[in-house]
Protein backbone atom coordinates (compact mmCIF):
# COMPACT_ATOMS: atom_id res chain seq x y z
CA UNK A 1 146.26 36.46 121.83
CA UNK A 2 147.56 39.38 123.87
CA UNK A 3 148.49 42.57 122.01
CA UNK A 4 152.15 43.53 121.96
CA UNK A 5 152.54 47.04 123.29
CA UNK A 6 155.57 49.19 122.73
CA UNK A 7 157.46 50.67 125.66
CA UNK A 8 160.25 52.77 124.15
CA UNK A 9 161.40 54.73 127.15
CA UNK A 10 160.66 55.83 130.66
CA UNK A 11 160.10 59.59 130.91
CA UNK A 12 161.75 60.77 134.11
CA UNK A 13 161.66 63.98 136.09
CA UNK A 14 165.09 63.87 137.67
CA UNK A 15 165.19 65.08 141.28
CA UNK A 16 167.54 67.97 141.97
CA UNK A 17 170.52 66.85 144.00
CA UNK A 18 171.23 68.70 147.22
CA UNK A 19 174.44 70.73 147.07
CA UNK A 20 177.34 69.08 148.89
CA UNK A 21 180.88 70.01 149.86
CA UNK A 22 182.90 68.44 147.07
CA UNK A 23 186.47 68.35 145.77
CA UNK A 24 187.09 70.49 142.69
CA UNK A 25 189.25 70.25 139.57
CA UNK A 26 189.66 73.45 137.56
CA UNK A 27 191.34 72.86 134.21
CA UNK A 28 192.00 73.94 130.68
CA UNK A 29 192.34 72.13 127.36
CA UNK A 30 194.81 73.36 124.76
CA UNK A 31 195.36 72.38 121.12
CA UNK A 32 198.76 70.66 121.13
CA UNK A 33 199.74 71.88 117.67
CA UNK A 34 198.48 75.46 117.69
CA UNK A 35 198.50 76.12 121.45
CA UNK A 36 195.01 77.56 121.32
CA UNK A 37 192.04 76.71 123.57
CA UNK A 38 189.89 73.71 122.65
CA UNK A 39 186.23 74.64 123.10
CA UNK A 40 183.23 72.27 123.31
CA UNK A 41 185.41 69.32 124.31
CA UNK A 42 183.88 66.84 126.74
CA UNK A 43 185.89 66.25 129.93
CA UNK A 44 184.96 63.48 132.36
CA UNK A 45 186.06 62.76 135.92
CA UNK A 46 186.36 58.95 136.22
CA UNK A 47 186.93 56.93 139.39
CA UNK A 48 189.19 53.87 139.68
CA UNK A 49 186.32 51.52 138.73
CA UNK A 50 185.77 53.37 135.45
CA UNK A 51 182.53 55.08 136.50
CA UNK A 52 181.94 58.64 135.34
CA UNK A 53 181.58 60.84 138.42
CA UNK A 54 181.21 64.20 136.70
CA UNK A 55 181.44 65.79 133.27
CA UNK A 56 181.72 69.21 131.65
CA UNK A 57 182.01 70.86 128.25
CA UNK A 58 184.92 73.28 127.88
CA UNK A 59 184.00 76.93 127.27
CA UNK A 60 185.38 79.23 124.57
CA UNK A 61 188.64 79.58 126.54
CA UNK A 62 189.03 75.81 126.90
CA UNK A 63 188.26 75.90 130.63
CA UNK A 64 186.23 73.41 132.67
CA UNK A 65 185.25 72.79 136.29
CA UNK A 66 184.53 69.33 137.75
CA UNK A 67 183.38 68.35 141.24
CA UNK A 68 183.89 64.98 142.92
CA UNK A 69 181.48 63.59 145.50
CA UNK A 70 184.27 62.73 147.91
CA UNK A 71 188.08 62.73 148.19
CA UNK A 72 189.90 59.98 146.35
CA UNK A 73 191.85 58.98 143.26
CA UNK A 74 190.46 59.90 139.85
CA UNK A 75 191.39 60.29 136.20
CA UNK A 76 190.39 62.95 133.69
CA UNK A 77 189.38 61.97 130.18
CA UNK A 78 188.96 64.55 127.40
CA UNK A 79 187.59 63.97 123.92
CA UNK A 80 186.43 65.98 120.92
CA UNK A 81 185.85 65.14 117.28
CA UNK A 82 189.01 65.82 115.28
CA UNK A 83 191.33 65.20 118.26
CA UNK A 84 192.91 62.19 119.92
CA UNK A 85 191.21 61.33 123.19
CA UNK A 86 193.41 61.80 126.25
CA UNK A 87 193.24 60.17 129.69
CA UNK A 88 195.28 61.65 132.53
CA UNK A 89 197.29 59.78 135.13
CA UNK A 90 195.69 59.25 138.54
CA UNK A 91 195.13 62.47 140.45
CA UNK A 92 194.26 62.64 144.15
CA UNK A 93 191.52 65.02 145.21
CA UNK A 94 191.56 66.26 148.77
CA UNK A 95 190.43 69.44 150.46
CA UNK A 96 192.09 71.90 148.07
CA UNK A 97 191.19 72.74 144.49
CA UNK A 98 193.44 71.19 141.84
CA UNK A 99 194.53 73.08 138.72
CA UNK A 100 195.03 70.84 135.71
CA UNK A 101 195.97 71.67 132.11
CA UNK A 102 196.56 69.21 129.33
CA UNK A 103 196.71 69.06 125.57
CA UNK A 104 194.66 67.46 122.85
CA UNK A 105 196.45 66.66 119.62
CA UNK A 106 194.58 66.99 116.32
CA UNK A 107 193.79 63.80 114.46
CA UNK A 108 192.06 63.70 111.13
CA UNK A 109 188.88 61.66 111.45
CA UNK A 110 188.83 59.58 108.27
CA UNK A 111 185.47 57.90 107.82
CA UNK A 112 185.37 54.76 105.67
CA UNK A 113 185.13 55.26 101.91
CA UNK A 114 181.82 54.68 100.14
CA UNK A 115 182.94 51.23 99.04
CA UNK A 116 184.39 50.27 102.42
CA UNK A 117 182.43 47.57 104.21
CA UNK A 118 183.35 45.16 106.95
CA UNK A 119 181.04 42.47 105.53
CA UNK A 120 183.96 40.63 103.92
CA UNK A 121 185.64 40.29 107.31
CA UNK A 122 182.43 39.38 109.04
CA UNK A 123 180.81 41.19 111.92
CA UNK A 124 183.44 42.34 114.43
CA UNK A 125 182.79 41.30 118.04
CA UNK A 126 183.75 44.78 119.23
CA UNK A 127 184.40 47.90 117.11
CA UNK A 128 188.15 47.23 116.94
CA UNK A 129 188.99 47.13 113.19
CA UNK A 130 190.37 50.42 111.77
CA UNK A 131 187.31 51.31 109.64
CA UNK A 132 184.75 50.27 112.24
CA UNK A 133 186.70 51.90 115.07
CA UNK A 134 186.91 55.25 113.24
CA UNK A 135 183.14 55.28 112.85
CA UNK A 136 182.59 54.13 116.44
CA UNK A 137 184.73 57.05 117.69
CA UNK A 138 182.40 59.52 115.96
CA UNK A 139 179.33 57.76 117.35
CA UNK A 140 180.74 57.34 120.85
CA UNK A 141 181.65 61.02 121.13
CA UNK A 142 178.03 62.08 120.54
CA UNK A 143 176.57 59.33 122.74
CA UNK A 144 178.90 60.23 125.61
CA UNK A 145 177.84 63.87 125.65
CA UNK A 146 174.16 62.95 125.22
CA UNK A 147 174.43 60.54 128.15
CA UNK A 148 176.07 63.17 130.33
CA UNK A 149 173.51 65.78 129.27
CA UNK A 150 170.87 63.39 130.53
CA UNK A 151 172.10 63.76 134.11
CA UNK A 152 172.67 67.53 134.32
CA UNK A 153 169.09 68.87 134.57
CA UNK A 154 170.36 71.88 132.62
CA UNK A 155 167.59 71.99 130.00
CA UNK A 156 163.84 72.52 130.08
CA UNK A 157 161.98 70.64 127.35
CA UNK A 158 158.66 71.19 125.65
CA UNK A 159 157.57 67.96 123.94
CA UNK A 160 154.66 66.24 122.27
CA UNK A 161 154.25 62.54 123.02
CA UNK A 162 152.10 60.61 120.59
CA UNK A 163 150.35 57.28 120.20
CA UNK A 164 149.28 56.44 116.65
CA UNK A 165 147.19 53.53 115.43
CA UNK A 166 148.22 52.57 111.86
CA UNK A 167 146.85 50.06 109.40
CA UNK A 168 148.88 47.08 108.22
CA UNK A 169 150.44 48.94 105.27
CA UNK A 170 151.28 51.95 107.48
CA UNK A 171 149.38 54.20 105.05
CA UNK A 172 146.26 54.92 107.12
CA UNK A 173 146.18 56.60 110.51
CA UNK A 174 143.20 55.19 112.38
CA UNK A 175 143.72 57.24 115.52
CA UNK A 176 146.14 59.70 117.08
CA UNK A 177 146.63 60.75 120.68
CA UNK A 178 148.82 63.83 121.31
CA UNK A 179 149.99 64.73 124.81
CA UNK A 180 152.03 67.87 125.54
CA UNK A 181 154.75 67.13 128.06
CA UNK A 182 157.28 69.28 129.90
CA UNK A 183 160.32 68.27 131.90
CA UNK A 184 163.68 69.54 133.17
CA UNK A 185 165.26 66.12 132.70
CA UNK A 186 167.94 66.80 130.10
CA UNK A 187 167.23 63.52 128.33
CA UNK A 188 163.48 63.04 127.90
CA UNK A 189 164.01 59.58 126.45
CA UNK A 190 165.18 56.92 128.93
CA UNK A 191 165.48 53.14 128.52
CA UNK A 192 165.74 50.30 131.01
CA UNK A 193 169.09 49.60 132.68
CA UNK A 194 171.66 48.13 130.29
CA UNK A 195 172.53 45.24 132.59
CA UNK A 196 168.84 44.33 132.90
CA UNK A 197 168.46 44.29 129.10
CA UNK A 198 171.60 42.18 128.69
CA UNK A 199 170.34 39.71 131.29
CA UNK A 200 166.59 39.58 130.56
CA UNK A 201 166.33 40.70 126.93
CA UNK A 202 164.39 43.49 125.23
CA UNK A 203 160.92 42.12 125.85
CA UNK A 204 159.37 41.82 129.28
CA UNK A 205 156.03 40.89 130.79
CA UNK A 206 154.30 43.50 132.93
CA UNK A 207 152.21 43.07 136.04
CA UNK A 208 149.13 43.19 133.80
CA UNK A 209 150.30 40.02 132.02
CA UNK A 210 150.99 41.81 128.72
CA UNK A 211 154.30 41.85 126.85
CA UNK A 212 156.26 45.08 126.45
CA UNK A 213 159.10 45.92 124.06
CA UNK A 214 162.10 47.80 125.46
CA UNK A 215 164.17 50.08 123.24
CA UNK A 216 167.83 51.13 123.71
CA UNK A 217 169.10 54.60 124.68
CA UNK A 218 172.54 56.25 124.86
CA UNK A 219 173.56 54.60 128.13
CA UNK A 220 172.64 51.17 126.75
CA UNK A 221 174.60 51.70 123.53
CA UNK A 222 177.69 52.82 125.49
CA UNK A 223 177.59 50.00 128.02
CA UNK A 224 180.16 47.21 128.13
CA UNK A 225 177.35 44.66 128.25
CA UNK A 226 176.01 45.94 124.90
CA UNK A 227 179.46 45.98 123.28
CA UNK A 228 180.16 42.46 124.55
CA UNK A 229 176.86 41.05 123.27
CA UNK A 230 176.80 42.59 119.77
CA UNK A 231 179.06 42.63 116.73
CA UNK A 232 179.62 45.61 114.41
CA UNK A 233 180.09 46.32 110.69
CA UNK A 234 180.15 49.22 108.22
CA UNK A 235 176.87 49.82 106.36
CA UNK A 236 176.46 52.04 103.30
CA UNK A 237 173.24 53.78 102.25
CA UNK A 238 171.65 55.00 99.03
CA UNK A 239 172.03 58.47 100.49
CA UNK A 240 175.77 58.97 100.01
CA UNK A 241 175.85 61.75 102.61
CA UNK A 242 175.45 59.10 105.32
CA UNK A 243 177.44 56.10 106.48
CA UNK A 244 176.29 53.63 109.10
CA UNK A 245 177.69 51.60 111.96
CA UNK A 246 175.57 48.47 111.95
CA UNK A 247 175.23 46.09 114.88
CA UNK A 248 173.55 42.73 115.50
CA UNK A 249 173.24 40.42 118.51
CA UNK A 250 175.71 37.60 119.05
CA UNK A 251 173.36 35.52 121.16
CA UNK A 252 170.53 33.33 119.95
CA UNK A 253 169.27 31.88 123.21
CA UNK A 254 165.62 32.84 122.94
CA UNK A 255 165.98 36.24 124.61
CA UNK A 256 164.75 39.12 122.47
CA UNK A 257 167.52 41.48 121.33
CA UNK A 258 168.05 44.38 118.91
CA UNK A 259 169.93 44.96 115.67
CA UNK A 260 170.26 48.28 113.90
CA UNK A 261 172.33 51.02 112.30
CA UNK A 262 173.74 54.21 113.81
CA UNK A 263 173.77 56.66 110.87
CA UNK A 264 176.53 59.29 110.74
CA UNK A 265 176.79 62.33 108.45
CA UNK A 266 179.93 62.07 106.33
CA UNK A 267 180.67 65.78 105.99
CA UNK A 268 180.61 66.53 109.74
CA UNK A 269 181.05 63.06 111.30
CA UNK A 270 178.02 63.87 113.47
CA UNK A 271 175.55 61.23 114.63
CA UNK A 272 172.10 61.64 113.06
CA UNK A 273 169.87 58.76 114.11
CA UNK A 274 169.58 55.15 115.18
CA UNK A 275 167.27 52.79 113.30
CA UNK A 276 166.72 49.42 114.98
CA UNK A 277 164.55 46.33 114.91
CA UNK A 278 163.96 43.47 117.31
CA UNK A 279 165.53 40.02 116.86
CA UNK A 280 165.00 36.58 118.43
CA UNK A 281 161.28 37.23 118.66
CA UNK A 282 158.53 34.75 119.48
CA UNK A 283 157.48 32.85 116.36
CA UNK A 284 154.20 34.74 115.86
CA UNK A 285 156.04 38.08 115.69
CA UNK A 286 158.81 37.16 113.26
CA UNK A 287 156.75 37.95 110.18
CA UNK A 288 155.97 41.46 111.45
CA UNK A 289 159.05 42.48 113.49
CA UNK A 290 158.69 45.60 115.65
CA UNK A 291 161.09 48.48 114.95
CA UNK A 292 162.06 51.92 116.19
CA UNK A 293 164.13 55.04 115.59
CA UNK A 294 165.98 57.47 117.87
CA UNK A 295 167.08 60.83 116.40
CA UNK A 296 169.84 63.02 117.84
CA UNK A 297 170.48 66.77 117.74
CA UNK A 298 173.54 68.83 118.64
CA UNK A 299 173.29 72.32 120.14
CA UNK A 300 175.76 75.09 119.28
CA UNK A 301 177.02 74.84 122.87
CA UNK A 302 178.12 71.25 122.23
CA UNK A 303 175.26 69.58 124.11
CA UNK A 304 173.55 66.59 122.49
CA UNK A 305 169.98 65.43 123.05
CA UNK A 306 167.52 62.88 121.72
CA UNK A 307 164.97 65.11 120.00
CA UNK A 308 162.68 62.55 118.35
CA UNK A 309 161.92 58.85 118.80
CA UNK A 310 159.32 56.21 118.05
CA UNK A 311 158.82 52.50 118.43
CA UNK A 312 156.32 50.58 116.32
CA UNK A 313 154.77 47.23 117.27
CA UNK A 314 152.25 45.05 115.39
CA UNK A 315 148.73 44.40 116.64
CA UNK A 316 147.98 40.75 115.93
CA UNK A 317 144.85 38.63 116.12
CA UNK A 318 144.33 34.87 116.02
CA UNK A 319 143.42 33.59 112.56
CA UNK A 320 142.23 30.25 111.25
CA UNK A 321 144.10 27.03 111.99
CA UNK A 322 146.37 28.65 114.57
CA UNK A 323 147.64 31.38 112.24
CA UNK A 324 148.02 35.06 113.14
CA UNK A 325 146.67 38.04 111.26
CA UNK A 326 148.07 41.56 111.19
CA UNK A 327 145.44 44.09 112.23
CA UNK A 328 147.74 47.11 112.21
CA UNK A 329 150.51 48.79 114.16
CA UNK A 330 150.70 50.87 117.31
CA UNK A 331 153.37 53.56 117.35
CA UNK A 332 154.51 55.27 120.55
CA UNK A 333 156.87 58.20 120.26
CA UNK A 334 157.72 61.78 121.05
CA UNK A 335 159.14 64.96 119.55
CA UNK A 336 161.01 67.73 121.34
CA UNK A 337 159.48 71.04 120.28
CA UNK A 338 161.86 73.33 122.15
CA UNK A 339 164.69 73.13 124.67
CA UNK A 340 165.96 76.00 126.80
CA UNK A 341 168.91 76.23 129.18
CA UNK A 342 168.18 77.00 132.83
CA UNK A 343 170.60 78.21 135.49
CA UNK A 344 170.16 76.25 138.72
CA UNK A 345 173.27 77.55 140.47
CA UNK A 346 171.66 80.99 140.97
CA UNK A 347 168.77 79.46 142.93
CA UNK A 348 170.31 77.29 145.60
CA UNK A 349 168.74 79.32 148.41
CA UNK A 350 165.14 78.70 149.34
CA UNK A 351 162.41 81.23 148.57
CA UNK A 352 159.05 81.67 150.24
CA UNK A 353 156.77 83.40 147.71
CA UNK A 354 153.95 81.64 145.86
CA UNK A 355 152.93 82.79 142.38
CA UNK A 356 149.55 81.43 141.28
CA UNK A 357 147.22 82.29 138.45
CA UNK A 358 145.21 81.09 135.48
CA UNK A 359 145.74 80.77 131.71
CA UNK A 360 142.64 81.34 129.55
CA UNK A 361 141.76 81.68 125.86
CA UNK A 362 141.84 85.39 125.06
CA UNK A 363 138.55 85.25 123.11
CA UNK A 364 136.38 82.62 124.77
CA UNK A 365 137.88 82.69 128.30
CA UNK A 366 138.08 78.89 128.11
CA UNK A 367 140.93 77.62 130.35
CA UNK A 368 144.05 76.29 128.64
CA UNK A 369 145.28 73.07 130.23
CA UNK A 370 148.73 71.51 129.88
CA UNK A 371 150.32 74.91 129.27
CA UNK A 372 153.80 75.43 130.68
CA UNK A 373 154.22 78.45 132.96
CA UNK A 374 157.84 79.37 133.72
CA UNK A 375 160.16 82.02 135.10
CA UNK A 376 162.74 82.62 132.39
CA UNK A 377 166.34 81.57 133.13
CA UNK A 378 165.34 79.90 136.40
CA UNK A 379 164.44 76.32 137.39
CA UNK A 380 160.89 77.40 138.31
CA UNK A 381 158.15 76.01 136.06
CA UNK A 382 154.82 74.22 136.29
CA UNK A 383 151.90 73.18 134.09
CA UNK A 384 148.27 74.27 134.18
CA UNK A 385 145.54 71.83 135.20
CA UNK A 386 142.18 71.24 133.48
CA UNK A 387 140.86 74.55 134.87
CA UNK A 388 143.87 76.47 133.53
CA UNK A 389 145.30 77.10 137.01
CA UNK A 390 148.99 77.00 137.99
CA UNK A 391 151.09 77.45 141.14
CA UNK A 392 154.82 78.26 141.47
CA UNK A 393 156.12 77.77 145.03
CA UNK A 394 159.27 78.77 146.88
CA UNK A 395 160.23 81.70 144.62
CA UNK A 396 162.94 83.93 146.15
CA UNK A 397 162.80 87.74 145.94
CA UNK A 398 163.72 89.20 142.57
CA UNK A 399 162.44 90.52 139.25
CA UNK A 400 161.44 87.81 136.78
CA UNK A 401 160.15 87.35 133.27
CA UNK A 402 157.15 85.06 133.51
CA UNK A 403 155.91 83.38 130.37
CA UNK A 404 153.75 80.58 129.04
CA UNK A 405 154.19 78.10 126.26
CA UNK A 406 152.31 75.16 124.86
CA UNK A 407 153.66 72.44 122.58
CA UNK A 408 150.92 72.94 119.98
CA UNK A 409 151.13 76.74 120.00
CA UNK A 410 154.91 76.58 119.59
CA UNK A 411 154.54 74.09 116.76
CA UNK A 412 152.31 76.39 114.71
CA UNK A 413 154.49 79.41 115.39
CA UNK A 414 152.11 81.53 117.47
CA UNK A 415 153.84 84.17 119.58
CA UNK A 416 153.29 83.53 123.26
CA UNK A 417 152.84 86.18 125.96
CA UNK A 418 155.49 87.08 128.52
CA UNK A 419 155.31 89.56 131.38
CA UNK A 420 157.46 90.80 134.24
CA UNK A 421 156.75 90.11 137.86
CA UNK A 422 158.58 91.33 140.97
CA UNK A 423 158.81 89.34 144.19
CA UNK A 424 159.63 91.61 147.12
CA UNK A 425 161.15 90.42 150.42
CA UNK A 426 158.30 89.32 152.64
CA UNK A 427 155.90 88.62 149.75
CA UNK A 428 153.98 85.39 150.26
CA UNK A 429 151.45 85.33 147.40
CA UNK A 430 151.14 86.93 143.96
CA UNK A 431 148.40 86.37 141.37
CA UNK A 432 148.77 86.53 137.60
CA UNK A 433 146.33 86.03 134.70
CA UNK A 434 147.55 85.05 131.22
CA UNK A 435 145.38 85.45 128.14
CA UNK A 436 146.62 82.93 125.58
CA UNK A 437 146.06 83.33 121.81
CA UNK A 438 142.69 81.97 120.68
CA UNK A 439 142.37 78.91 118.46
CA UNK A 440 141.19 81.12 115.62
CA UNK A 441 144.31 83.27 115.98
CA UNK A 442 146.40 80.11 116.01
CA UNK A 443 144.84 78.84 112.77
CA UNK A 444 145.17 82.22 111.06
CA UNK A 445 148.86 82.26 111.99
CA UNK A 446 149.45 78.69 110.80
CA UNK A 447 147.47 79.01 107.54
CA UNK A 448 147.39 82.66 106.43
CA UNK A 449 146.52 81.73 102.84
CA UNK A 450 143.59 79.41 103.66
CA UNK A 451 140.05 80.76 103.87
CA UNK A 452 138.56 80.58 107.41
CA UNK A 453 135.45 78.41 107.82
CA UNK A 454 133.13 77.54 110.67
CA UNK A 455 135.05 74.40 111.64
CA UNK A 456 138.45 74.70 113.35
CA UNK A 457 140.13 71.34 112.78
CA UNK A 458 143.90 71.31 112.26
CA UNK A 459 146.19 68.75 110.62
CA UNK A 460 149.91 69.46 110.46
CA UNK A 461 153.30 67.77 110.50
CA UNK A 462 156.80 67.55 109.08
CA UNK A 463 158.00 65.91 105.86
CA UNK A 464 161.41 64.23 106.21
CA UNK A 465 163.68 62.35 103.84
CA UNK A 466 163.20 58.61 104.40
CA UNK A 467 166.95 57.91 104.54
CA UNK A 468 168.56 60.93 106.17
CA UNK A 469 165.53 62.01 108.28
CA UNK A 470 166.22 65.63 107.31
CA UNK A 471 163.25 67.99 106.78
CA UNK A 472 162.39 68.43 103.11
CA UNK A 473 161.43 71.92 101.91
CA UNK A 474 159.29 72.80 98.89
CA UNK A 475 157.30 69.55 98.80
CA UNK A 476 153.60 69.70 97.91
CA UNK A 477 151.21 68.05 100.39
CA UNK A 478 147.53 67.59 99.50
CA UNK A 479 144.56 67.09 101.82
CA UNK A 480 141.30 65.84 100.31
CA UNK A 481 137.89 64.85 101.70
CA UNK A 482 134.20 64.85 100.89
CA UNK A 483 132.19 67.67 102.37
CA UNK A 484 129.90 70.61 101.65
CA UNK A 485 131.42 73.79 100.16
CA UNK A 486 131.70 76.86 102.45
CA UNK A 487 128.39 78.22 101.18
CA UNK A 488 126.61 74.93 101.90
CA UNK A 489 124.95 72.46 99.57
CA UNK A 490 125.65 68.84 98.65
CA UNK A 491 128.89 67.07 99.50
CA UNK A 492 131.63 67.47 96.92
CA UNK A 493 135.24 66.36 96.63
CA UNK A 494 137.34 69.04 98.31
CA UNK A 495 141.10 69.50 98.32
CA UNK A 496 143.68 71.82 99.88
CA UNK A 497 147.36 72.02 99.00
CA UNK A 498 150.30 73.17 101.09
CA UNK A 499 154.02 73.48 100.35
CA UNK A 500 156.47 72.55 103.08
CA UNK A 501 158.51 75.35 104.64
CA UNK A 502 162.29 75.46 105.03
CA UNK A 503 161.99 73.22 108.10
CA UNK A 504 159.71 70.73 106.31
CA UNK A 505 156.45 71.80 108.02
CA UNK A 506 152.98 71.83 106.47
CA UNK A 507 149.59 72.93 107.86
CA UNK A 508 145.94 72.41 106.92
CA UNK A 509 143.47 74.53 108.89
CA UNK A 510 139.69 74.90 109.22
CA UNK A 511 139.15 71.22 108.48
CA UNK A 512 135.82 69.44 109.24
CA UNK A 513 135.29 66.84 111.95
CA UNK A 514 133.92 63.37 111.32
CA UNK A 515 135.27 63.18 107.77
CA UNK A 516 137.92 60.85 106.39
CA UNK A 517 140.81 63.06 105.27
CA UNK A 518 143.45 61.73 102.90
CA UNK A 519 146.95 63.23 102.91
CA UNK A 520 149.29 62.77 99.93
CA UNK A 521 152.90 63.88 99.46
CA UNK A 522 154.34 64.52 95.99
CA UNK A 523 157.84 63.18 96.63
CA UNK A 524 159.67 59.92 95.92
CA UNK A 525 161.94 60.45 98.95
CA UNK A 526 159.14 59.49 101.35
CA UNK A 527 158.40 55.88 102.36
CA UNK A 528 154.64 56.17 102.84
CA UNK A 529 153.29 59.00 100.69
CA UNK A 530 149.57 58.53 101.41
CA UNK A 531 147.65 58.25 104.69
CA UNK A 532 144.02 58.45 105.78
CA UNK A 533 142.92 59.91 109.10
CA UNK A 534 139.91 61.44 110.82
CA UNK A 535 139.44 64.39 113.15
CA UNK A 536 137.37 63.35 116.16
CA UNK A 537 135.76 66.72 116.92
CA UNK A 538 135.27 70.21 115.52
CA UNK A 539 138.34 71.60 117.33
CA UNK A 540 140.39 68.44 116.76
CA UNK A 541 144.12 68.49 116.12
CA UNK A 542 146.23 65.80 114.47
CA UNK A 543 149.93 65.70 113.72
CA UNK A 544 151.29 63.38 111.03
CA UNK A 545 154.95 63.31 110.00
CA UNK A 546 155.88 61.83 106.61
CA UNK A 547 159.17 59.98 106.23
């Protein structure tokens, strides 16, 4: 029996588009009742077929600038939580810039009451009923901006992708693979095309003959094909701070589909996360249905991103008399560690300088691979190879701040070096050496209260509430294993405790390799409070998040 592998998203490095002569709309949004600017509203330029051609968030003065690819007829659509959405009449873009100002009128966004459910009316074919529509408006606003953010290349991400092997009860981690990843794609999580999923379903067979699960993203959830093929209802949760927009597939034709809940925070009407599971599965998978989550985050600027995701699929084996047995689960996912804005408009001209160098451990001189080297506030970045080397090409003259970062170092809060470098006209090559913090320095920073030992293993993670997915502070986490005491001697039962920080993080440092380590969380708000895992080598690192 072939294993079912999860395939939650395609990670894309979006190619920078070449600048083109385009028609321009310069506009302003004003509050219709107070005649003040409306900031952080999302304005789209839409062609006659309904396709979004461009988008922009209004600044603090309510202003926006949109560019069309070519002359033609377009509409403007503006939306913001707390206001009625507005669509303009057709405007014709030609050679000259068009000035456009229009108003948004406040509208109280009334989310359904705690007792309000659409179950009694059944599942609505589209989110058209008053209660469901109000919740869909809040969800759609966030998804629209997240989708647009995904095409702007305006952010640089530092991420950790992970693959975890879990036992059948999800309480034991049998293996973890962490991979730092960096990209300027403003949406690191990408799914298959919505029309493909509507036509073929959410499970496909690869060229290797194995089956792959396909998860949804913002573009899929916003698509007409998704709205046409699913029905919607209000869902309440034990956590009264959240309310959900549930959906389920209308079809039952053998094609795999998804059902789930988009959870919204009541106090702010902001989208928090999507929890989904797969439906219409092959018979052998129905007892252990795969599932996934996609978490969203809003920046102060109004941008939205997917900042955490995972998809979990069962590993099955053939049992007696044609039965199947659950061997465990494979979880593929990723977490955004940091996101920074970059300014591409300043660097449209081509440079000629090459900046190369090496990043090494400051104590051992061991090269640091997979480190991100970047020029601050520019689109220039690269990663180091296995020998710690990096190359930045085509840098124009100027004075830059050059820095390094690494997903793990950022996670444990180690300060990372920056320096200044000047590229003069005519320069063709510059060399720079970075000395990164040592592993010992990293562990001392992460665990200042723990006594250093000869081994340098690290286990860390985040504790989140199982329902709201918010980080939980002040929770005690315990790590226990059998091993010799620091002064040597026979193996004894050893234990360390840590208390989660304000952002839910915990750290255990100086742990031994080759020992089974059990982690326990003292909280009833966590689904799986106990896991077992093992560090593969002396300098091993494992991340485990509790939810």
